Amino acid sequence: MESADATEVAYRAGYESASQFSREYSRMFGFPPKADIKRLKETFEQIERNTDQIFVGTLT
């Protein structure tokens, strides 16, 4: 998976201003991009932990 910060995403999406992207993102989703990135990383890490536990349980 490719990693990109909010500024890079803003420019790739055609915004000339990262702050404008952040404002519009917040209006649309209810929280800023950084909060969403943190939430998604935490969710992914939890899924990884749960998957590891499942596989370890099947091997013993």
N, C-alpha and C. Protein backbone atom coordinates (compact mmCIF):
# COMPACT_ATOMS: atom_id res chain seq x y z
N MET A 1 0.84 -1.17 0.00
CA MET A 1 0.00 0.00 0.00
C MET A 1 0.89 1.24 0.00
N GLU A 2 0.53 2.19 -0.84
CA GLU A 2 1.30 3.43 -0.92
C GLU A 2 0.88 4.36 0.21
N SER A 3 1.84 5.02 0.79
CA SER A 3 1.57 5.95 1.88
C SER A 3 1.71 7.38 1.36
N ALA A 4 0.75 8.23 1.72
CA ALA A 4 0.83 9.64 1.31
C ALA A 4 0.26 10.49 2.43
N ASP A 5 0.87 11.66 2.63
CA ASP A 5 0.32 12.54 3.64
C ASP A 5 -0.81 13.37 3.03
N ALA A 6 -1.53 14.09 3.88
CA ALA A 6 -2.70 14.84 3.43
C ALA A 6 -2.33 15.89 2.40
N THR A 7 -1.16 16.51 2.52
CA THR A 7 -0.74 17.52 1.55
C THR A 7 -0.57 16.91 0.17
N GLU A 8 0.08 15.77 0.12
CA GLU A 8 0.29 15.10 -1.17
C GLU A 8 -1.05 14.68 -1.78
N VAL A 9 -1.93 14.15 -0.96
CA VAL A 9 -3.26 13.75 -1.44
C VAL A 9 -4.02 14.96 -1.97
N ALA A 10 -3.93 16.08 -1.27
CA ALA A 10 -4.61 17.30 -1.71
C ALA A 10 -4.15 17.70 -3.11
N TYR A 11 -2.86 17.71 -3.34
CA TYR A 11 -2.34 18.10 -4.65
C TYR A 11 -2.71 17.07 -5.72
N ARG A 12 -2.66 15.79 -5.38
CA ARG A 12 -3.04 14.75 -6.34
C ARG A 12 -4.52 14.86 -6.72
N ALA A 13 -5.34 15.31 -5.77
CA ALA A 13 -6.78 15.45 -6.02
C ALA A 13 -7.11 16.76 -6.74
N GLY A 14 -6.11 17.58 -6.99
CA GLY A 14 -6.33 18.80 -7.74
C GLY A 14 -6.48 20.06 -6.92
N TYR A 15 -6.31 19.97 -5.62
CA TYR A 15 -6.37 21.16 -4.76
C TYR A 15 -5.05 21.91 -4.85
N GLU A 16 -5.13 23.21 -4.87
CA GLU A 16 -3.91 24.02 -4.86
C GLU A 16 -3.47 24.33 -3.44
N SER A 17 -4.35 24.07 -2.48
CA SER A 17 -4.06 24.39 -1.08
C SER A 17 -4.40 23.19 -0.20
N ALA A 18 -3.43 22.76 0.58
CA ALA A 18 -3.67 21.65 1.50
C ALA A 18 -4.68 22.05 2.58
N SER A 19 -4.65 23.31 2.98
CA SER A 19 -5.60 23.75 4.01
C SER A 19 -7.03 23.75 3.49
N GLN A 20 -7.22 24.09 2.24
CA GLN A 20 -8.57 24.04 1.65
C GLN A 20 -9.06 22.59 1.59
N PHE A 21 -8.18 21.69 1.18
CA PHE A 21 -8.52 20.27 1.15
C PHE A 21 -8.94 19.80 2.55
N SER A 22 -8.17 20.17 3.55
CA SER A 22 -8.48 19.76 4.92
C SER A 22 -9.82 20.30 5.38
N ARG A 23 -10.11 21.56 5.07
CA ARG A 23 -11.41 22.15 5.45
C ARG A 23 -12.56 21.41 4.78
N GLU A 24 -12.43 21.16 3.49
CA GLU A 24 -13.51 20.49 2.76
C GLU A 24 -13.64 19.03 3.20
N TYR A 25 -12.54 18.39 3.47
CA TYR A 25 -12.56 17.01 3.97
C TYR A 25 -13.30 16.97 5.31
N SER A 26 -12.98 17.92 6.18
CA SER A 26 -13.63 17.98 7.50
C SER A 26 -15.12 18.21 7.37
N ARG A 27 -15.51 19.09 6.45
CA ARG A 27 -16.95 19.34 6.23
C ARG A 27 -17.65 18.08 5.74
N MET A 28 -17.01 17.37 4.85
CA MET A 28 -17.64 16.19 4.24
C MET A 28 -17.70 15.00 5.21
N PHE A 29 -16.60 14.76 5.95
CA PHE A 29 -16.52 13.55 6.76
C PHE A 29 -16.65 13.80 8.26
N GLY A 30 -16.64 15.08 8.68
CA GLY A 30 -16.85 15.39 10.08
C GLY A 30 -15.60 15.44 10.94
N PHE A 31 -14.45 15.18 10.36
CA PHE A 31 -13.19 15.24 11.08
C PHE A 31 -12.07 15.46 10.07
N PRO A 32 -10.92 15.98 10.51
CA PRO A 32 -9.83 16.28 9.57
C PRO A 32 -9.14 15.02 9.06
N PRO A 33 -8.43 15.13 7.95
CA PRO A 33 -7.75 13.96 7.38
C PRO A 33 -6.81 13.26 8.36
N LYS A 34 -6.08 14.01 9.18
CA LYS A 34 -5.16 13.37 10.13
C LYS A 34 -5.90 12.45 11.10
N ALA A 35 -7.08 12.89 11.55
CA ALA A 35 -7.87 12.04 12.46
C ALA A 35 -8.32 10.78 11.75
N ASP A 36 -8.69 10.90 10.49
CA ASP A 36 -9.12 9.73 9.72
C ASP A 36 -7.96 8.77 9.50
N ILE A 37 -6.79 9.31 9.19
CA ILE A 37 -5.60 8.47 9.00
C ILE A 37 -5.30 7.70 10.28
N LYS A 38 -5.36 8.38 11.41
CA LYS A 38 -5.09 7.73 12.70
C LYS A 38 -6.12 6.63 12.96
N ARG A 39 -7.38 6.92 12.72
CA ARG A 39 -8.45 5.94 12.94
C ARG A 39 -8.27 4.72 12.04
N LEU A 40 -7.95 4.95 10.78
CA LEU A 40 -7.76 3.84 9.85
C LEU A 40 -6.55 2.99 10.22
N LYS A 41 -5.45 3.62 10.64
CA LYS A 41 -4.27 2.87 11.07
C LYS A 41 -4.59 2.01 12.29
N GLU A 42 -5.32 2.57 13.25
CA GLU A 42 -5.68 1.82 14.45
C GLU A 42 -6.57 0.64 14.10
N THR A 43 -7.51 0.85 13.20
CA THR A 43 -8.40 -0.23 12.77
C THR A 43 -7.61 -1.33 12.08
N PHE A 44 -6.70 -0.95 11.19
CA PHE A 44 -5.89 -1.92 10.47
C PHE A 44 -5.01 -2.72 11.43
N GLU A 45 -4.42 -2.03 12.40
CA GLU A 45 -3.57 -2.72 13.39
C GLU A 45 -4.39 -3.71 14.21
N GLN A 46 -5.62 -3.34 14.56
CA GLN A 46 -6.49 -4.24 15.32
C GLN A 46 -6.83 -5.47 14.48
N ILE A 47 -7.11 -5.28 13.22
CA ILE A 47 -7.41 -6.41 12.33
C ILE A 47 -6.20 -7.33 12.23
N GLU A 48 -5.01 -6.74 12.10
CA GLU A 48 -3.79 -7.55 12.04
C GLU A 48 -3.61 -8.37 13.31
N ARG A 49 -3.82 -7.74 14.48
CA ARG A 49 -3.68 -8.46 15.75
C ARG A 49 -4.69 -9.62 15.83
N ASN A 50 -5.92 -9.35 15.45
CA ASN A 50 -6.95 -10.39 15.49
C ASN A 50 -6.63 -11.53 14.53
N THR A 51 -6.12 -11.19 13.36
CA THR A 51 -5.76 -12.21 12.37
C THR A 51 -4.61 -13.06 12.90
N ASP A 52 -3.62 -12.41 13.49
CA ASP A 52 -2.49 -13.16 14.07
C ASP A 52 -2.98 -14.13 15.15
N GLN A 53 -3.89 -13.69 15.97
CA GLN A 53 -4.42 -14.54 17.04
C GLN A 53 -5.16 -15.74 16.47
N ILE A 54 -5.90 -15.54 15.41
CA ILE A 54 -6.65 -16.63 14.77
C ILE A 54 -5.68 -17.67 14.23
N PHE A 55 -4.65 -17.21 13.50
CA PHE A 55 -3.70 -18.15 12.91
C PHE A 55 -2.88 -18.87 13.98
N VAL A 56 -2.48 -18.19 15.02
CA VAL A 56 -1.72 -18.83 16.10
C VAL A 56 -2.59 -19.88 16.77
N GLY A 57 -3.86 -19.57 16.97
CA GLY A 57 -4.77 -20.52 17.59
C GLY A 57 -4.98 -21.78 16.76
N THR A 58 -4.91 -21.67 15.43
CA THR A 58 -5.12 -22.84 14.58
C THR A 58 -3.86 -23.70 14.47
N LEU A 59 -2.71 -23.14 14.82
CA LEU A 59 -1.46 -23.90 14.72
C LEU A 59 -1.15 -24.69 15.97
N THR A 60 -1.77 -24.36 17.08
CA THR A 60 -1.46 -25.07 18.33
C THR A 60 -2.47 -26.14 18.64
